[in-house]
Amino acid sequence: MPSPERLVFQQSFEGLIRALGDQLDEPCAQQLRDAGIDPRGKLSVAYPLEVWVESLKLAASVLAPASTLEDGAEVVGRRFLEGYGGTLMGSALLAGVRLMGPHRMLERMTRNLRTGTNYLEARLEQTGPTRYVLTCRPVVVAGFYRGLFAAGLEKSGAKSPSVVLIRSAGDAAVYDLSWLGEKTASKPPEPRS
């Protein structure tokens, strides 16, 4: 049986369009239409992964024209979270992030990432009191997730968060996520037996 087509859902494109903000002028809108999405029209429920990748590359070149694709995509990831927060789904997710704190926010990362696609998988492993390793697959542009995770940690109240791409092999990307510990920070969840 063939694997299902990899799809990126409407709310992800809404977040991307909002991330572009004032930079979404008519030439940019036309380039997005050429990539397969009309940012000024009614969005489809889902788009093929290829449309997302082309749209993400365009957004990176618009928001950070002097940067590499990975660094530009990091800018998009950070701005995406702000834009995604303006969507119905995103506002609901982000409302609870601050209350959850960084530990619980990261625990829910797998489910949160799945709200934007039908294919993304994430595995989280705690390696210290305020340090985790997060493996995501498939990842096409790793810098986007670097920015997204850093912005998510900031939103959750993590102090001085750091997100480093440890390695990228095949379609998997492995990130080291950490932040400075605080006495008032939310406690890590109790280990499950």
C-alpha atoms as a PDB file:
ATOM      1  CA  MET A   1       0.000   0.000   0.000  1.00  0.00           C
ATOM      2  CA  PRO A   2       1.527   3.377  -0.973  1.00  0.00           C
ATOM      3  CA  SER A   3       2.178   5.859   1.810  1.00  0.00           C
ATOM      4  CA  PRO A   4      -0.250   8.780   1.964  1.00  0.00           C
ATOM      5  CA  GLU A   5       0.696  12.085   0.397  1.00  0.00           C
ATOM      6  CA  ARG A   6       2.473  14.381   2.840  1.00  0.00           C
ATOM      7  CA  LEU A   7       0.176  17.333   3.489  1.00  0.00           C
ATOM      8  CA  VAL A   8       0.552  20.633   5.309  1.00  0.00           C
ATOM      9  CA  PHE A   9      -2.705  21.987   6.710  1.00  0.00           C
ATOM     10  CA  GLN A  10      -4.338  25.360   6.182  1.00  0.00           C
ATOM     11  CA  GLN A  11      -3.438  26.779   9.603  1.00  0.00           C
ATOM     12  CA  SER A  12       0.269  26.386   8.839  1.00  0.00           C
ATOM     13  CA  PHE A  13      -0.127  28.498   5.718  1.00  0.00           C
ATOM     14  CA  GLU A  14      -2.181  31.040   7.662  1.00  0.00           C
ATOM     15  CA  GLY A  15       0.713  31.319  10.124  1.00  0.00           C
ATOM     16  CA  LEU A  16       3.217  31.684   7.287  1.00  0.00           C
ATOM     17  CA  ILE A  17       1.159  34.409   5.602  1.00  0.00           C
ATOM     18  CA  ARG A  18       0.835  36.250   8.919  1.00  0.00           C
ATOM     19  CA  ALA A  19       4.600  35.854   9.470  1.00  0.00           C
ATOM     20  CA  LEU A  20       5.213  37.738   6.231  1.00  0.00           C
ATOM     21  CA  GLY A  21       3.162  40.656   7.567  1.00  0.00           C
ATOM     22  CA  ASP A  22       3.805  43.917   5.736  1.00  0.00           C
ATOM     23  CA  GLN A  23       6.360  42.181   3.523  1.00  0.00           C
ATOM     24  CA  LEU A  24       3.511  40.404   1.718  1.00  0.00           C
ATOM     25  CA  ASP A  25       3.294  42.849  -1.154  1.00  0.00           C
ATOM     26  CA  GLU A  26       1.929  42.007  -4.610  1.00  0.00           C
ATOM     27  CA  PRO A  27       5.232  40.627  -6.022  1.00  0.00           C
ATOM     28  CA  CYS A  28       5.542  38.336  -2.988  1.00  0.00           C
ATOM     29  CA  ALA A  29       1.877  37.299  -3.306  1.00  0.00           C
ATOM     30  CA  GLN A  30       2.454  36.444  -6.970  1.00  0.00           C
ATOM     31  CA  GLN A  31       5.471  34.312  -6.099  1.00  0.00           C
ATOM     32  CA  LEU A  32       3.348  32.442  -3.557  1.00  0.00           C
ATOM     33  CA  ARG A  33       0.657  31.913  -6.203  1.00  0.00           C
ATOM     34  CA  ASP A  34       3.364  30.559  -8.519  1.00  0.00           C
ATOM     35  CA  ALA A  35       4.360  28.150  -5.716  1.00  0.00           C
ATOM     36  CA  GLY A  36       0.750  26.940  -5.449  1.00  0.00           C
ATOM     37  CA  ILE A  37      -0.979  29.046  -2.782  1.00  0.00           C
ATOM     38  CA  ASP A  38      -3.039  32.209  -3.137  1.00  0.00           C
ATOM     39  CA  PRO A  39      -2.365  34.266   0.008  1.00  0.00           C
ATOM     40  CA  ARG A  40      -5.135  36.706  -0.890  1.00  0.00           C
ATOM     41  CA  GLY A  41      -7.767  34.061  -1.648  1.00  0.00           C
ATOM     42  CA  LYS A  42      -9.516  31.319   0.277  1.00  0.00           C
ATOM     43  CA  LEU A  43      -6.976  28.757   1.450  1.00  0.00           C
ATOM     44  CA  SER A  44      -7.443  25.057   0.813  1.00  0.00           C
ATOM     45  CA  VAL A  45      -7.754  22.673   3.739  1.00  0.00           C
ATOM     46  CA  ALA A  46      -4.325  21.180   2.920  1.00  0.00           C
ATOM     47  CA  TYR A  47      -1.479  21.497   0.429  1.00  0.00           C
ATOM     48  CA  PRO A  48       1.246  19.094  -0.690  1.00  0.00           C
ATOM     49  CA  LEU A  49       4.530  19.307   1.199  1.00  0.00           C
ATOM     50  CA  GLU A  50       6.234  20.673  -1.927  1.00  0.00           C
ATOM     51  CA  VAL A  51       4.016  23.793  -1.825  1.00  0.00           C
ATOM     52  CA  TRP A  52       4.972  24.337   1.830  1.00  0.00           C
ATOM     53  CA  VAL A  53       8.689  24.005   1.098  1.00  0.00           C
ATOM     54  CA  GLU A  54       8.562  26.493  -1.783  1.00  0.00           C
ATOM     55  CA  SER A  55       6.471  28.919   0.291  1.00  0.00           C
ATOM     56  CA  LEU A  56       8.869  28.580   3.230  1.00  0.00           C
ATOM     57  CA  LYS A  57      11.881  29.246   1.002  1.00  0.00           C
ATOM     58  CA  LEU A  58      10.172  32.325  -0.421  1.00  0.00           C
ATOM     59  CA  ALA A  59       9.278  33.618   3.058  1.00  0.00           C
ATOM     60  CA  ALA A  60      12.891  33.106   4.192  1.00  0.00           C
ATOM     61  CA  SER A  61      14.207  35.068   1.202  1.00  0.00           C
ATOM     62  CA  VAL A  62      11.718  37.885   1.868  1.00  0.00           C
ATOM     63  CA  LEU A  63      12.158  38.149   5.649  1.00  0.00           C
ATOM     64  CA  ALA A  64      15.931  37.600   5.710  1.00  0.00           C
ATOM     65  CA  PRO A  65      17.225  38.321   2.198  1.00  0.00           C
ATOM     66  CA  ALA A  66      20.911  38.443   3.187  1.00  0.00           C
ATOM     67  CA  SER A  67      20.797  35.161   5.141  1.00  0.00           C
ATOM     68  CA  THR A  68      21.313  31.540   4.186  1.00  0.00           C
ATOM     69  CA  LEU A  69      18.150  29.477   3.719  1.00  0.00           C
ATOM     70  CA  GLU A  70      18.566  27.881   7.170  1.00  0.00           C
ATOM     71  CA  ASP A  71      19.098  31.205   8.964  1.00  0.00           C
ATOM     72  CA  GLY A  72      16.284  32.858   7.022  1.00  0.00           C
ATOM     73  CA  ALA A  73      14.020  29.924   7.832  1.00  0.00           C
ATOM     74  CA  GLU A  74      14.838  30.426  11.519  1.00  0.00           C
ATOM     75  CA  VAL A  75      13.523  33.995  11.238  1.00  0.00           C
ATOM     76  CA  VAL A  76      10.399  32.622   9.565  1.00  0.00           C
ATOM     77  CA  GLY A  77       9.983  30.032  12.349  1.00  0.00           C
ATOM     78  CA  ARG A  78      10.091  32.707  15.026  1.00  0.00           C
ATOM     79  CA  ARG A  79       7.670  34.986  13.176  1.00  0.00           C
ATOM     80  CA  PHE A  80       5.508  32.013  12.256  1.00  0.00           C
ATOM     81  CA  LEU A  81       4.719  31.343  15.898  1.00  0.00           C
ATOM     82  CA  GLU A  82       3.525  34.919  16.279  1.00  0.00           C
ATOM     83  CA  GLY A  83       1.468  34.618  13.089  1.00  0.00           C
ATOM     84  CA  TYR A  84       0.159  31.177  13.988  1.00  0.00           C
ATOM     85  CA  GLY A  85      -0.986  32.619  17.310  1.00  0.00           C
ATOM     86  CA  GLY A  86      -3.389  34.778  15.322  1.00  0.00           C
ATOM     87  CA  THR A  87      -5.162  31.738  13.850  1.00  0.00           C
ATOM     88  CA  LEU A  88      -8.045  29.992  15.599  1.00  0.00           C
ATOM     89  CA  MET A  89      -6.045  26.800  16.201  1.00  0.00           C
ATOM     90  CA  GLY A  90      -2.861  28.652  17.075  1.00  0.00           C
ATOM     91  CA  SER A  91      -4.452  30.999  19.576  1.00  0.00           C
ATOM     92  CA  ALA A  92      -5.911  28.011  21.421  1.00  0.00           C
ATOM     93  CA  LEU A  93      -2.516  26.263  21.528  1.00  0.00           C
ATOM     94  CA  LEU A  94      -0.537  29.313  22.589  1.00  0.00           C
ATOM     95  CA  ALA A  95      -3.014  30.302  25.298  1.00  0.00           C
ATOM     96  CA  GLY A  96      -2.006  27.281  27.340  1.00  0.00           C
ATOM     97  CA  VAL A  97       1.721  27.333  26.586  1.00  0.00           C
ATOM     98  CA  ARG A  98       2.586  30.001  29.144  1.00  0.00           C
ATOM     99  CA  LEU A  99       0.558  28.206  31.814  1.00  0.00           C
ATOM    100  CA  MET A 100       2.183  24.853  31.039  1.00  0.00           C
ATOM    101  CA  GLY A 101       5.747  26.084  31.261  1.00  0.00           C
ATOM    102  CA  PRO A 102       8.596  24.753  29.125  1.00  0.00           C
ATOM    103  CA  HIS A 103       8.615  21.157  30.385  1.00  0.00           C
ATOM    104  CA  ARG A 104       4.969  20.423  29.701  1.00  0.00           C
ATOM    105  CA  MET A 105       5.014  22.478  26.498  1.00  0.00           C
ATOM    106  CA  LEU A 106       7.796  20.258  25.168  1.00  0.00           C
ATOM    107  CA  GLU A 107       5.954  17.112  26.283  1.00  0.00           C
ATOM    108  CA  ARG A 108       3.061  18.169  24.061  1.00  0.00           C
ATOM    109  CA  MET A 109       5.360  19.026  21.152  1.00  0.00           C
ATOM    110  CA  THR A 110       4.538  15.870  19.181  1.00  0.00           C
ATOM    111  CA  ARG A 111       0.828  16.580  19.230  1.00  0.00           C
ATOM    112  CA  ASN A 112       1.324  20.299  18.595  1.00  0.00           C
ATOM    113  CA  LEU A 113       3.517  19.628  15.557  1.00  0.00           C
ATOM    114  CA  ARG A 114       0.941  17.203  14.170  1.00  0.00           C
ATOM    115  CA  THR A 115      -1.731  19.915  14.065  1.00  0.00           C
ATOM    116  CA  GLY A 116       0.044  21.496  11.110  1.00  0.00           C
ATOM    117  CA  THR A 117       0.764  18.390   9.001  1.00  0.00           C
ATOM    118  CA  ASN A 118      -0.262  14.777   8.499  1.00  0.00           C
ATOM    119  CA  TYR A 119       3.301  13.436   8.552  1.00  0.00           C
ATOM    120  CA  LEU A 120       5.609  15.087  11.080  1.00  0.00           C
ATOM    121  CA  GLU A 121       6.811  12.890  13.948  1.00  0.00           C
ATOM    122  CA  ALA A 122       8.694  14.049  17.026  1.00  0.00           C
ATOM    123  CA  ARG A 123      10.424  12.196  19.846  1.00  0.00           C
ATOM    124  CA  LEU A 124      11.490  13.987  23.008  1.00  0.00           C
ATOM    125  CA  GLU A 125      14.079  12.866  25.562  1.00  0.00           C
ATOM    126  CA  GLN A 126      14.930  14.784  28.721  1.00  0.00           C
ATOM    127  CA  THR A 127      18.708  14.857  29.276  1.00  0.00           C
ATOM    128  CA  GLY A 128      18.933  17.326  32.174  1.00  0.00           C
ATOM    129  CA  PRO A 129      16.800  19.502  34.467  1.00  0.00           C
ATOM    130  CA  THR A 130      16.310  22.096  31.706  1.00  0.00           C
ATOM    131  CA  ARG A 131      17.648  20.229  28.668  1.00  0.00           C
ATOM    132  CA  TYR A 132      15.986  18.007  26.094  1.00  0.00           C
ATOM    133  CA  VAL A 133      16.850  16.336  22.831  1.00  0.00           C
ATOM    134  CA  LEU A 134      14.080  16.537  20.251  1.00  0.00           C
ATOM    135  CA  THR A 135      14.183  14.399  17.107  1.00  0.00           C
ATOM    136  CA  CYS A 136      11.838  15.363  14.266  1.00  0.00           C
ATOM    137  CA  ARG A 137      11.220  13.646  10.961  1.00  0.00           C
ATOM    138  CA  PRO A 138      10.805  14.310   8.163  1.00  0.00           C
ATOM    139  CA  VAL A 139      12.375  17.755   8.241  1.00  0.00           C
ATOM    140  CA  VAL A 140      13.121  19.542   4.996  1.00  0.00           C
ATOM    141  CA  VAL A 141      14.353  22.932   6.277  1.00  0.00           C
ATOM    142  CA  ALA A 142      15.795  22.447   9.771  1.00  0.00           C
ATOM    143  CA  GLY A 143      16.228  26.163  10.475  1.00  0.00           C
ATOM    144  CA  PHE A 144      12.457  26.708  10.506  1.00  0.00           C
ATOM    145  CA  TYR A 145      12.050  24.381  13.477  1.00  0.00           C
ATOM    146  CA  ARG A 146      15.041  25.937  15.240  1.00  0.00           C
ATOM    147  CA  GLY A 147      13.217  29.279  15.198  1.00  0.00           C
ATOM    148  CA  LEU A 148       9.854  27.728  16.018  1.00  0.00           C
ATOM    149  CA  PHE A 149      11.182  25.825  19.050  1.00  0.00           C
ATOM    150  CA  ALA A 150      13.113  28.847  20.361  1.00  0.00           C
ATOM    151  CA  ALA A 151      10.014  31.052  20.097  1.00  0.00           C
ATOM    152  CA  GLY A 152       7.909  28.336  21.746  1.00  0.00           C
ATOM    153  CA  LEU A 153      10.318  28.077  24.669  1.00  0.00           C
ATOM    154  CA  GLU A 154      10.254  31.857  25.066  1.00  0.00           C
ATOM    155  CA  LYS A 155       6.431  31.851  25.035  1.00  0.00           C
ATOM    156  CA  SER A 156       6.413  29.124  27.686  1.00  0.00           C
ATOM    157  CA  GLY A 157       8.488  31.260  30.057  1.00  0.00           C
ATOM    158  CA  ALA A 158      11.871  29.559  29.563  1.00  0.00           C
ATOM    159  CA  LYS A 159      14.695  31.917  30.533  1.00  0.00           C
ATOM    160  CA  SER A 160      17.393  32.403  27.850  1.00  0.00           C
ATOM    161  CA  PRO A 161      16.362  29.426  25.687  1.00  0.00           C
ATOM    162  CA  SER A 162      18.842  27.809  23.319  1.00  0.00           C
ATOM    163  CA  VAL A 163      17.998  25.603  20.347  1.00  0.00           C
ATOM    164  CA  VAL A 164      20.906  23.968  18.528  1.00  0.00           C
ATOM    165  CA  LEU A 165      20.689  21.598  15.581  1.00  0.00           C
ATOM    166  CA  ILE A 166      22.884  18.711  16.752  1.00  0.00           C
ATOM    167  CA  ARG A 167      22.680  16.730  13.538  1.00  0.00           C
ATOM    168  CA  SER A 168      20.675  16.296  10.417  1.00  0.00           C
ATOM    169  CA  ALA A 169      20.784  12.879   8.772  1.00  0.00           C
ATOM    170  CA  GLY A 170      18.467  11.768   6.019  1.00  0.00           C
ATOM    171  CA  ASP A 171      15.096  13.285   6.789  1.00  0.00           C
ATOM    172  CA  ALA A 172      15.665  13.469  10.565  1.00  0.00           C
ATOM    173  CA  ALA A 173      16.820  16.527  12.475  1.00  0.00           C
ATOM    174  CA  VAL A 174      17.986  16.323  16.092  1.00  0.00           C
ATOM    175  CA  TYR A 175      17.834  19.441  18.249  1.00  0.00           C
ATOM    176  CA  ASP A 176      19.304  20.234  21.661  1.00  0.00           C
ATOM    177  CA  LEU A 177      16.828  22.449  23.557  1.00  0.00           C
ATOM    178  CA  SER A 178      17.848  24.067  26.837  1.00  0.00           C
ATOM    179  CA  TRP A 179      17.280  27.102  29.021  1.00  0.00           C
ATOM    180  CA  LEU A 180      18.540  28.603  32.254  1.00  0.00           C
ATOM    181  CA  GLY A 181      16.995  27.087  35.354  1.00  0.00           C
ATOM    182  CA  GLU A 182      15.002  29.256  37.717  1.00  0.00           C
ATOM    183  CA  LYS A 183      13.660  28.673  41.185  1.00  0.00           C
ATOM    184  CA  THR A 184      10.256  29.870  39.980  1.00  0.00           C
ATOM    185  CA  ALA A 185      10.275  27.858  36.766  1.00  0.00           C
ATOM    186  CA  SER A 186       7.731  25.092  36.442  1.00  0.00           C
ATOM    187  CA  LYS A 187       8.966  21.788  37.778  1.00  0.00           C
ATOM    188  CA  PRO A 188       9.566  18.948  35.374  1.00  0.00           C
ATOM    189  CA  PRO A 189       6.798  16.388  35.276  1.00  0.00           C
ATOM    190  CA  GLU A 190       7.099  13.356  37.510  1.00  0.00           C
ATOM    191  CA  PRO A 191       8.598  10.335  35.727  1.00  0.00           C
ATOM    192  CA  ARG A 192       6.023   7.792  34.645  1.00  0.00           C
ATOM    193  CA  SER A 193       6.456   4.242  35.818  1.00  0.00           C
END
